[in-house]
Amino acid sequence: MNNYELALVVNAKIEDDAREALVNSVKDLITRFGGKITNVDEWGKKRLAYEIQKMHEGFYYFIKFEGAATVPGELDSRIRIMENVLRFLCVRQDAE
């Protein structure tokens, strides 16, 4: 099992309920593919460094989880088609 961190930038113009549902669906994807969520960090609404899809702000989430080496690839293919996700990045954390 490897440790991973998923950074997620969500559209700031959607309703709070829809945003929470989106984040919960990402968490469900992680657990469905055998991952175990260890920490969810919500940074809230922040200004983007540059304009993405004519938006200047987004909600930032950082989800830390443990999983097999196949989990990031599965997440990538599913998160990529989510409409309200502006950007995402999944990186492996080094063992400390």
PDB file of N, CA and C in Angstrom:
ATOM      1  N   MET A   1       0.840  -1.181   0.000  1.00  0.00           N
ATOM      2  CA  MET A   1       0.000   0.000   0.000  1.00  0.00           C
ATOM      3  C   MET A   1       0.886   1.246   0.000  1.00  0.00           C
ATOM      4  N   ASN A   2       0.566   2.142  -0.900  1.00  0.00           N
ATOM      5  CA  ASN A   2       1.276   3.413  -1.001  1.00  0.00           C
ATOM      6  C   ASN A   2       0.408   4.535  -0.435  1.00  0.00           C
ATOM      7  N   ASN A   3       1.051   5.613  -0.018  1.00  0.00           N
ATOM      8  CA  ASN A   3       0.333   6.801   0.436  1.00  0.00           C
ATOM      9  C   ASN A   3       0.239   7.790  -0.710  1.00  0.00           C
ATOM     10  N   TYR A   4      -0.962   8.345  -0.917  1.00  0.00           N
ATOM     11  CA  TYR A   4      -1.207   9.287  -1.994  1.00  0.00           C
ATOM     12  C   TYR A   4      -1.901  10.527  -1.461  1.00  0.00           C
ATOM     13  N   GLU A   5      -1.768  11.616  -2.222  1.00  0.00           N
ATOM     14  CA  GLU A   5      -2.519  12.830  -1.940  1.00  0.00           C
ATOM     15  C   GLU A   5      -3.173  13.291  -3.239  1.00  0.00           C
ATOM     16  N   LEU A   6      -4.485  13.512  -3.180  1.00  0.00           N
ATOM     17  CA  LEU A   6      -5.251  13.976  -4.325  1.00  0.00           C
ATOM     18  C   LEU A   6      -5.627  15.430  -4.086  1.00  0.00           C
ATOM     19  N   ALA A   7      -5.145  16.315  -4.948  1.00  0.00           N
ATOM     20  CA  ALA A   7      -5.512  17.730  -4.888  1.00  0.00           C
ATOM     21  C   ALA A   7      -6.635  17.948  -5.888  1.00  0.00           C
ATOM     22  N   LEU A   8      -7.697  18.595  -5.440  1.00  0.00           N
ATOM     23  CA  LEU A   8      -8.903  18.741  -6.239  1.00  0.00           C
ATOM     24  C   LEU A   8      -9.342  20.199  -6.202  1.00  0.00           C
ATOM     25  N   VAL A   9      -9.543  20.817  -7.362  1.00  0.00           N
ATOM     26  CA  VAL A   9     -10.060  22.185  -7.448  1.00  0.00           C
ATOM     27  C   VAL A   9     -11.440  22.093  -8.086  1.00  0.00           C
ATOM     28  N   VAL A  10     -12.453  22.525  -7.327  1.00  0.00           N
ATOM     29  CA  VAL A  10     -13.848  22.389  -7.739  1.00  0.00           C
ATOM     30  C   VAL A  10     -14.402  23.762  -8.106  1.00  0.00           C
ATOM     31  N   ASN A  11     -15.275  23.785  -9.086  1.00  0.00           N
ATOM     32  CA  ASN A  11     -15.948  24.992  -9.551  1.00  0.00           C
ATOM     33  C   ASN A  11     -16.580  25.736  -8.371  1.00  0.00           C
ATOM     34  N   ALA A  12     -16.302  27.029  -8.242  1.00  0.00           N
ATOM     35  CA  ALA A  12     -16.821  27.823  -7.128  1.00  0.00           C
ATOM     36  C   ALA A  12     -18.249  28.297  -7.360  1.00  0.00           C
ATOM     37  N   LYS A  13     -18.773  28.145  -8.580  1.00  0.00           N
ATOM     38  CA  LYS A  13     -20.104  28.663  -8.893  1.00  0.00           C
ATOM     39  C   LYS A  13     -21.230  27.665  -8.666  1.00  0.00           C
ATOM     40  N   ILE A  14     -20.911  26.429  -8.261  1.00  0.00           N
ATOM     41  CA  ILE A  14     -21.975  25.454  -8.027  1.00  0.00           C
ATOM     42  C   ILE A  14     -22.477  25.566  -6.587  1.00  0.00           C
ATOM     43  N   GLU A  15     -23.656  25.032  -6.341  1.00  0.00           N
ATOM     44  CA  GLU A  15     -24.264  25.073  -5.005  1.00  0.00           C
ATOM     45  C   GLU A  15     -23.441  24.250  -4.015  1.00  0.00           C
ATOM     46  N   ASP A  16     -23.582  24.571  -2.727  1.00  0.00           N
ATOM     47  CA  ASP A  16     -22.852  23.849  -1.680  1.00  0.00           C
ATOM     48  C   ASP A  16     -23.202  22.366  -1.668  1.00  0.00           C
ATOM     49  N   ASP A  17     -24.480  22.040  -1.851  1.00  0.00           N
ATOM     50  CA  ASP A  17     -24.897  20.634  -1.841  1.00  0.00           C
ATOM     51  C   ASP A  17     -24.266  19.869  -2.994  1.00  0.00           C
ATOM     52  N   ALA A  18     -24.227  20.474  -4.165  1.00  0.00           N
ATOM     53  CA  ALA A  18     -23.634  19.822  -5.335  1.00  0.00           C
ATOM     54  C   ALA A  18     -22.127  19.640  -5.146  1.00  0.00           C
ATOM     55  N   ARG A  19     -21.487  20.621  -4.525  1.00  0.00           N
ATOM     56  CA  ARG A  19     -20.041  20.526  -4.272  1.00  0.00           C
ATOM     57  C   ARG A  19     -19.734  19.404  -3.296  1.00  0.00           C
ATOM     58  N   GLU A  20     -20.532  19.323  -2.212  1.00  0.00           N
ATOM     59  CA  GLU A  20     -20.335  18.249  -1.241  1.00  0.00           C
ATOM     60  C   GLU A  20     -20.594  16.882  -1.871  1.00  0.00           C
ATOM     61  N   ALA A  21     -21.609  16.798  -2.732  1.00  0.00           N
ATOM     62  CA  ALA A  21     -21.909  15.539  -3.412  1.00  0.00           C
ATOM     63  C   ALA A  21     -20.758  15.124  -4.323  1.00  0.00           C
ATOM     64  N   LEU A  22     -20.137  16.106  -4.987  1.00  0.00           N
ATOM     65  CA  LEU A  22     -19.003  15.829  -5.861  1.00  0.00           C
ATOM     66  C   LEU A  22     -17.819  15.285  -5.064  1.00  0.00           C
ATOM     67  N   VAL A  23     -17.503  15.926  -3.944  1.00  0.00           N
ATOM     68  CA  VAL A  23     -16.385  15.483  -3.117  1.00  0.00           C
ATOM     69  C   VAL A  23     -16.683  14.099  -2.541  1.00  0.00           C
ATOM     70  N   ASN A  24     -17.928  13.871  -2.123  1.00  0.00           N
ATOM     71  CA  ASN A  24     -18.294  12.551  -1.603  1.00  0.00           C
ATOM     72  C   ASN A  24     -18.201  11.480  -2.683  1.00  0.00           C
ATOM     73  N   SER A  25     -18.521  11.815  -3.929  1.00  0.00           N
ATOM     74  CA  SER A  25     -18.406  10.829  -5.004  1.00  0.00           C
ATOM     75  C   SER A  25     -16.938  10.489  -5.274  1.00  0.00           C
ATOM     76  N   VAL A  26     -16.048  11.475  -5.138  1.00  0.00           N
ATOM     77  CA  VAL A  26     -14.611  11.207  -5.294  1.00  0.00           C
ATOM     78  C   VAL A  26     -14.133  10.306  -4.157  1.00  0.00           C
ATOM     79  N   LYS A  27     -14.585  10.571  -2.935  1.00  0.00           N
ATOM     80  CA  LYS A  27     -14.221   9.712  -1.799  1.00  0.00           C
ATOM     81  C   LYS A  27     -14.738   8.294  -2.015  1.00  0.00           C
ATOM     82  N   ASP A  28     -15.950   8.168  -2.541  1.00  0.00           N
ATOM     83  CA  ASP A  28     -16.513   6.846  -2.820  1.00  0.00           C
ATOM     84  C   ASP A  28     -15.696   6.110  -3.878  1.00  0.00           C
ATOM     85  N   LEU A  29     -15.203   6.838  -4.879  1.00  0.00           N
ATOM     86  CA  LEU A  29     -14.353   6.217  -5.891  1.00  0.00           C
ATOM     87  C   LEU A  29     -13.081   5.658  -5.265  1.00  0.00           C
ATOM     88  N   ILE A  30     -12.492   6.415  -4.355  1.00  0.00           N
ATOM     89  CA  ILE A  30     -11.263   5.962  -3.695  1.00  0.00           C
ATOM     90  C   ILE A  30     -11.520   4.667  -2.939  1.00  0.00           C
ATOM     91  N   THR A  31     -12.590   4.632  -2.164  1.00  0.00           N
ATOM     92  CA  THR A  31     -12.876   3.421  -1.375  1.00  0.00           C
ATOM     93  C   THR A  31     -13.322   2.266  -2.269  1.00  0.00           C
ATOM     94  N   ARG A  32     -14.011   2.558  -3.371  1.00  0.00           N
ATOM     95  CA  ARG A  32     -14.463   1.487  -4.270  1.00  0.00           C
ATOM     96  C   ARG A  32     -13.283   0.749  -4.896  1.00  0.00           C
ATOM     97  N   PHE A  33     -12.193   1.454  -5.172  1.00  0.00           N
ATOM     98  CA  PHE A  33     -11.025   0.828  -5.788  1.00  0.00           C
ATOM     99  C   PHE A  33     -10.013   0.333  -4.758  1.00  0.00           C
ATOM    100  N   GLY A  34     -10.428   0.212  -3.508  1.00  0.00           N
ATOM    101  CA  GLY A  34      -9.587  -0.390  -2.488  1.00  0.00           C
ATOM    102  C   GLY A  34      -8.732   0.564  -1.690  1.00  0.00           C
ATOM    103  N   GLY A  35      -8.942   1.841  -1.832  1.00  0.00           N
ATOM    104  CA  GLY A  35      -8.179   2.821  -1.068  1.00  0.00           C
ATOM    105  C   GLY A  35      -8.808   3.080   0.290  1.00  0.00           C
ATOM    106  N   LYS A  36      -8.004   3.604   1.197  1.00  0.00           N
ATOM    107  CA  LYS A  36      -8.479   3.941   2.535  1.00  0.00           C
ATOM    108  C   LYS A  36      -8.138   5.406   2.798  1.00  0.00           C
ATOM    109  N   ILE A  37      -9.161   6.234   2.981  1.00  0.00           N
ATOM    110  CA  ILE A  37      -8.967   7.673   3.184  1.00  0.00           C
ATOM    111  C   ILE A  37      -8.440   7.912   4.599  1.00  0.00           C
ATOM    112  N   THR A  38      -7.347   8.668   4.695  1.00  0.00           N
ATOM    113  CA  THR A  38      -6.756   8.953   5.998  1.00  0.00           C
ATOM    114  C   THR A  38      -7.011  10.387   6.457  1.00  0.00           C
ATOM    115  N   ASN A  39      -7.171  11.324   5.498  1.00  0.00           N
ATOM    116  CA  ASN A  39      -7.376  12.724   5.876  1.00  0.00           C
ATOM    117  C   ASN A  39      -8.000  13.487   4.708  1.00  0.00           C
ATOM    118  N   VAL A  40      -8.940  14.380   5.035  1.00  0.00           N
ATOM    119  CA  VAL A  40      -9.529  15.270   4.030  1.00  0.00           C
ATOM    120  C   VAL A  40      -9.349  16.693   4.529  1.00  0.00           C
ATOM    121  N   ASP A  41      -8.657  17.488   3.745  1.00  0.00           N
ATOM    122  CA  ASP A  41      -8.375  18.877   4.092  1.00  0.00           C
ATOM    123  C   ASP A  41      -9.156  19.782   3.149  1.00  0.00           C
ATOM    124  N   GLU A  42     -10.054  20.594   3.679  1.00  0.00           N
ATOM    125  CA  GLU A  42     -10.799  21.538   2.854  1.00  0.00           C
ATOM    126  C   GLU A  42     -10.228  22.925   3.087  1.00  0.00           C
ATOM    127  N   TRP A  43      -9.675  23.513   2.037  1.00  0.00           N
ATOM    128  CA  TRP A  43      -9.075  24.832   2.153  1.00  0.00           C
ATOM    129  C   TRP A  43     -10.082  25.933   1.879  1.00  0.00           C
ATOM    130  N   GLY A  44     -11.211  25.597   1.290  1.00  0.00           N
ATOM    131  CA  GLY A  44     -12.222  26.602   1.002  1.00  0.00           C
ATOM    132  C   GLY A  44     -11.989  27.287  -0.333  1.00  0.00           C
ATOM    133  N   LYS A  45     -12.646  28.425  -0.505  1.00  0.00           N
ATOM    134  CA  LYS A  45     -12.579  29.156  -1.770  1.00  0.00           C
ATOM    135  C   LYS A  45     -11.306  29.994  -1.818  1.00  0.00           C
ATOM    136  N   LYS A  46     -10.540  29.791  -2.876  1.00  0.00           N
ATOM    137  CA  LYS A  46      -9.292  30.531  -3.081  1.00  0.00           C
ATOM    138  C   LYS A  46      -9.253  31.075  -4.501  1.00  0.00           C
ATOM    139  N   ARG A  47      -8.503  32.123  -4.679  1.00  0.00           N
ATOM    140  CA  ARG A  47      -8.302  32.696  -6.012  1.00  0.00           C
ATOM    141  C   ARG A  47      -7.333  31.802  -6.786  1.00  0.00           C
ATOM    142  N   LEU A  48      -7.650  31.540  -8.039  1.00  0.00           N
ATOM    143  CA  LEU A  48      -6.798  30.728  -8.888  1.00  0.00           C
ATOM    144  C   LEU A  48      -5.607  31.548  -9.374  1.00  0.00           C
ATOM    145  N   ALA A  49      -4.512  30.886  -9.655  1.00  0.00           N
ATOM    146  CA  ALA A  49      -3.321  31.572 -10.141  1.00  0.00           C
ATOM    147  C   ALA A  49      -3.549  32.128 -11.547  1.00  0.00           C
ATOM    148  N   TYR A  50      -4.388  31.463 -12.311  1.00  0.00           N
ATOM    149  CA  TYR A  50      -4.737  31.921 -13.650  1.00  0.00           C
ATOM    150  C   TYR A  50      -6.164  31.485 -13.965  1.00  0.00           C
ATOM    151  N   GLU A  51      -6.757  32.105 -14.929  1.00  0.00           N
ATOM    152  CA  GLU A  51      -8.147  31.833 -15.288  1.00  0.00           C
ATOM    153  C   GLU A  51      -8.288  30.435 -15.896  1.00  0.00           C
ATOM    154  N   ILE A  52      -9.269  29.685 -15.395  1.00  0.00           N
ATOM    155  CA  ILE A  52      -9.580  28.358 -15.928  1.00  0.00           C
ATOM    156  C   ILE A  52     -11.061  28.349 -16.281  1.00  0.00           C
ATOM    157  N   GLN A  53     -11.389  28.083 -17.526  1.00  0.00           N
ATOM    158  CA  GLN A  53     -12.772  28.047 -18.004  1.00  0.00           C
ATOM    159  C   GLN A  53     -13.535  29.318 -17.611  1.00  0.00           C
ATOM    160  N   LYS A  54     -12.888  30.465 -17.766  1.00  0.00           N
ATOM    161  CA  LYS A  54     -13.446  31.780 -17.454  1.00  0.00           C
ATOM    162  C   LYS A  54     -13.821  31.943 -15.975  1.00  0.00           C
ATOM    163  N   MET A  55     -13.125  31.235 -15.098  1.00  0.00           N
ATOM    164  CA  MET A  55     -13.348  31.343 -13.651  1.00  0.00           C
ATOM    165  C   MET A  55     -12.063  31.794 -12.981  1.00  0.00           C
ATOM    166  N   HIS A  56     -12.234  32.575 -11.925  1.00  0.00           N
ATOM    167  CA  HIS A  56     -11.082  33.107 -11.201  1.00  0.00           C
ATOM    168  C   HIS A  56     -10.937  32.521  -9.806  1.00  0.00           C
ATOM    169  N   GLU A  57     -11.942  31.762  -9.338  1.00  0.00           N
ATOM    170  CA  GLU A  57     -11.903  31.171  -7.994  1.00  0.00           C
ATOM    171  C   GLU A  57     -12.327  29.710  -8.054  1.00  0.00           C
ATOM    172  N   GLY A  58     -11.879  28.947  -7.051  1.00  0.00           N
ATOM    173  CA  GLY A  58     -12.253  27.551  -6.952  1.00  0.00           C
ATOM    174  C   GLY A  58     -12.144  27.085  -5.510  1.00  0.00           C
ATOM    175  N   PHE A  59     -12.833  26.002  -5.192  1.00  0.00           N
ATOM    176  CA  PHE A  59     -12.741  25.396  -3.869  1.00  0.00           C
ATOM    177  C   PHE A  59     -11.656  24.322  -3.916  1.00  0.00           C
ATOM    178  N   TYR A  60     -10.744  24.377  -2.951  1.00  0.00           N
ATOM    179  CA  TYR A  60      -9.609  23.455  -2.908  1.00  0.00           C
ATOM    180  C   TYR A  60      -9.846  22.368  -1.866  1.00  0.00           C
ATOM    181  N   TYR A  61      -9.574  21.121  -2.262  1.00  0.00           N
ATOM    182  CA  TYR A  61      -9.651  19.963  -1.370  1.00  0.00           C
ATOM    183  C   TYR A  61      -8.379  19.151  -1.537  1.00  0.00           C
ATOM    184  N   PHE A  62      -7.872  18.637  -0.419  1.00  0.00           N
ATOM    185  CA  PHE A  62      -6.715  17.753  -0.435  1.00  0.00           C
ATOM    186  C   PHE A  62      -7.109  16.480   0.309  1.00  0.00           C
ATOM    187  N   ILE A  63      -7.127  15.364  -0.404  1.00  0.00           N
ATOM    188  CA  ILE A  63      -7.567  14.089   0.154  1.00  0.00           C
ATOM    189  C   ILE A  63      -6.358  13.161   0.206  1.00  0.00           C
ATOM    190  N   LYS A  64      -5.968  12.759   1.420  1.00  0.00           N
ATOM    191  CA  LYS A  64      -4.871  11.811   1.586  1.00  0.00           C
ATOM    192  C   LYS A  64      -5.472  10.422   1.756  1.00  0.00           C
ATOM    193  N   PHE A  65      -4.856   9.442   1.079  1.00  0.00           N
ATOM    194  CA  PHE A  65      -5.366   8.081   1.177  1.00  0.00           C
ATOM    195  C   PHE A  65      -4.256   7.078   0.949  1.00  0.00           C
ATOM    196  N   GLU A  66      -4.522   5.839   1.372  1.00  0.00           N
ATOM    197  CA  GLU A  66      -3.628   4.717   1.132  1.00  0.00           C
ATOM    198  C   GLU A  66      -4.279   3.826   0.099  1.00  0.00           C
ATOM    199  N   GLY A  67      -3.486   3.267  -0.792  1.00  0.00           N
ATOM    200  CA  GLY A  67      -4.059   2.397  -1.799  1.00  0.00           C
ATOM    201  C   GLY A  67      -3.006   1.698  -2.622  1.00  0.00           C
ATOM    202  N   ALA A  68      -3.468   0.775  -3.451  1.00  0.00           N
ATOM    203  CA  ALA A  68      -2.580   0.057  -4.358  1.00  0.00           C
ATOM    204  C   ALA A  68      -2.133   0.986  -5.479  1.00  0.00           C
ATOM    205  N   ALA A  69      -1.163   0.546  -6.234  1.00  0.00           N
ATOM    206  CA  ALA A  69      -0.606   1.364  -7.306  1.00  0.00           C
ATOM    207  C   ALA A  69      -1.602   1.601  -8.440  1.00  0.00           C
ATOM    208  N   THR A  70      -2.671   0.826  -8.516  1.00  0.00           N
ATOM    209  CA  THR A  70      -3.655   0.972  -9.593  1.00  0.00           C
ATOM    210  C   THR A  70      -4.701   2.038  -9.299  1.00  0.00           C
ATOM    211  N   VAL A  71      -4.837   2.443  -8.051  1.00  0.00           N
ATOM    212  CA  VAL A  71      -5.896   3.386  -7.655  1.00  0.00           C
ATOM    213  C   VAL A  71      -5.763   4.746  -8.353  1.00  0.00           C
ATOM    214  N   PRO A  72      -4.580   5.376  -8.414  1.00  0.00           N
ATOM    215  CA  PRO A  72      -4.496   6.689  -9.085  1.00  0.00           C
ATOM    216  C   PRO A  72      -4.919   6.649 -10.554  1.00  0.00           C
ATOM    217  N   GLY A  73      -4.590   5.589 -11.254  1.00  0.00           N
ATOM    218  CA  GLY A  73      -4.993   5.477 -12.656  1.00  0.00           C
ATOM    219  C   GLY A  73      -6.497   5.386 -12.813  1.00  0.00           C
ATOM    220  N   GLU A  74      -7.142   4.625 -11.931  1.00  0.00           N
ATOM    221  CA  GLU A  74      -8.600   4.502 -11.957  1.00  0.00           C
ATOM    222  C   GLU A  74      -9.251   5.846 -11.629  1.00  0.00           C
ATOM    223  N   LEU A  75      -8.703   6.547 -10.638  1.00  0.00           N
ATOM    224  CA  LEU A  75      -9.243   7.857 -10.273  1.00  0.00           C
ATOM    225  C   LEU A  75      -9.089   8.847 -11.420  1.00  0.00           C
ATOM    226  N   ASP A  76      -7.930   8.825 -12.053  1.00  0.00           N
ATOM    227  CA  ASP A  76      -7.661   9.750 -13.151  1.00  0.00           C
ATOM    228  C   ASP A  76      -8.697   9.612 -14.260  1.00  0.00           C
ATOM    229  N   SER A  77      -9.005   8.390 -14.644  1.00  0.00           N
ATOM    230  CA  SER A  77      -9.939   8.195 -15.755  1.00  0.00           C
ATOM    231  C   SER A  77     -11.362   8.618 -15.400  1.00  0.00           C
ATOM    232  N   ARG A  78     -11.726   8.574 -14.116  1.00  0.00           N
ATOM    233  CA  ARG A  78     -13.080   8.939 -13.717  1.00  0.00           C
ATOM    234  C   ARG A  78     -13.226  10.415 -13.367  1.00  0.00           C
ATOM    235  N   ILE A  79     -12.223  10.990 -12.699  1.00  0.00           N
ATOM    236  CA  ILE A  79     -12.290  12.405 -12.320  1.00  0.00           C
ATOM    237  C   ILE A  79     -12.162  13.294 -13.553  1.00  0.00           C
ATOM    238  N   ARG A  80     -11.418  12.835 -14.547  1.00  0.00           N
ATOM    239  CA  ARG A  80     -11.194  13.616 -15.766  1.00  0.00           C
ATOM    240  C   ARG A  80     -12.504  14.015 -16.450  1.00  0.00           C
ATOM    241  N   ILE A  81     -13.551  13.181 -16.347  1.00  0.00           N
ATOM    242  CA  ILE A  81     -14.804  13.474 -17.041  1.00  0.00           C
ATOM    243  C   ILE A  81     -15.833  14.169 -16.148  1.00  0.00           C
ATOM    244  N   MET A  82     -15.477  14.457 -14.900  1.00  0.00           N
ATOM    245  CA  MET A  82     -16.399  15.161 -14.007  1.00  0.00           C
ATOM    246  C   MET A  82     -16.470  16.634 -14.417  1.00  0.00           C
ATOM    247  N   GLU A  83     -17.670  17.100 -14.604  1.00  0.00           N
ATOM    248  CA  GLU A  83     -17.905  18.422 -15.179  1.00  0.00           C
ATOM    249  C   GLU A  83     -17.427  19.578 -14.305  1.00  0.00           C
ATOM    250  N   ASN A  84     -17.629  19.501 -12.999  1.00  0.00           N
ATOM    251  CA  ASN A  84     -17.336  20.628 -12.113  1.00  0.00           C
ATOM    252  C   ASN A  84     -15.954  20.578 -11.473  1.00  0.00           C
ATOM    253  N   VAL A  85     -15.097  19.650 -11.900  1.00  0.00           N
ATOM    254  CA  VAL A  85     -13.719  19.604 -11.424  1.00  0.00           C
ATOM    255  C   VAL A  85     -12.879  20.415 -12.398  1.00  0.00           C
ATOM    256  N   LEU A  86     -12.283  21.500 -11.896  1.00  0.00           N
ATOM    257  CA  LEU A  86     -11.467  22.350 -12.754  1.00  0.00           C
ATOM    258  C   LEU A  86     -10.086  21.744 -12.981  1.00  0.00           C
ATOM    259  N   ARG A  87      -9.436  21.304 -11.905  1.00  0.00           N
ATOM    260  CA  ARG A  87      -8.119  20.681 -11.982  1.00  0.00           C
ATOM    261  C   ARG A  87      -8.008  19.634 -10.875  1.00  0.00           C
ATOM    262  N   PHE A  88      -7.145  18.646 -11.112  1.00  0.00           N
ATOM    263  CA  PHE A  88      -6.857  17.652 -10.081  1.00  0.00           C
ATOM    264  C   PHE A  88      -5.452  17.110 -10.313  1.00  0.00           C
ATOM    265  N   LEU A  89      -4.866  16.588  -9.245  1.00  0.00           N
ATOM    266  CA  LEU A  89      -3.532  15.994  -9.329  1.00  0.00           C
ATOM    267  C   LEU A  89      -3.402  14.979  -8.211  1.00  0.00           C
ATOM    268  N   CYS A  90      -3.004  13.787  -8.561  1.00  0.00           N
ATOM    269  CA  CYS A  90      -2.780  12.733  -7.570  1.00  0.00           C
ATOM    270  C   CYS A  90      -1.304  12.399  -7.562  1.00  0.00           C
ATOM    271  N   VAL A  91      -0.667  12.545  -6.395  1.00  0.00           N
ATOM    272  CA  VAL A  91       0.774  12.272  -6.269  1.00  0.00           C
ATOM    273  C   VAL A  91       1.007  11.285  -5.142  1.00  0.00           C
ATOM    274  N   ARG A  92       2.067  10.492  -5.307  1.00  0.00           N
ATOM    275  CA  ARG A  92       2.447   9.542  -4.267  1.00  0.00           C
ATOM    276  C   ARG A  92       3.319  10.232  -3.235  1.00  0.00           C
ATOM    277  N   GLN A  93       3.019   9.995  -1.969  1.00  0.00           N
ATOM    278  CA  GLN A  93       3.785  10.586  -0.882  1.00  0.00           C
ATOM    279  C   GLN A  93       4.931   9.646  -0.504  1.00  0.00           C
ATOM    280  N   ASP A  94       6.078  10.200  -0.199  1.00  0.00           N
ATOM    281  CA  ASP A  94       7.209   9.392   0.250  1.00  0.00           C
ATOM    282  C   ASP A  94       6.958   8.916   1.672  1.00  0.00           C
ATOM    283  N   ALA A  95       7.434   7.729   1.968  1.00  0.00           N
ATOM    284  CA  ALA A  95       7.342   7.200   3.335  1.00  0.00           C
ATOM    285  C   ALA A  95       8.302   7.978   4.213  1.00  0.00           C
ATOM    286  N   GLU A  96       7.817   8.354   5.392  1.00  0.00           N
ATOM    287  CA  GLU A  96       8.656   9.165   6.295  1.00  0.00           C
ATOM    288  C   GLU A  96       9.304   8.318   7.332  1.00  0.00           C
TER     289      GLU A  96
END
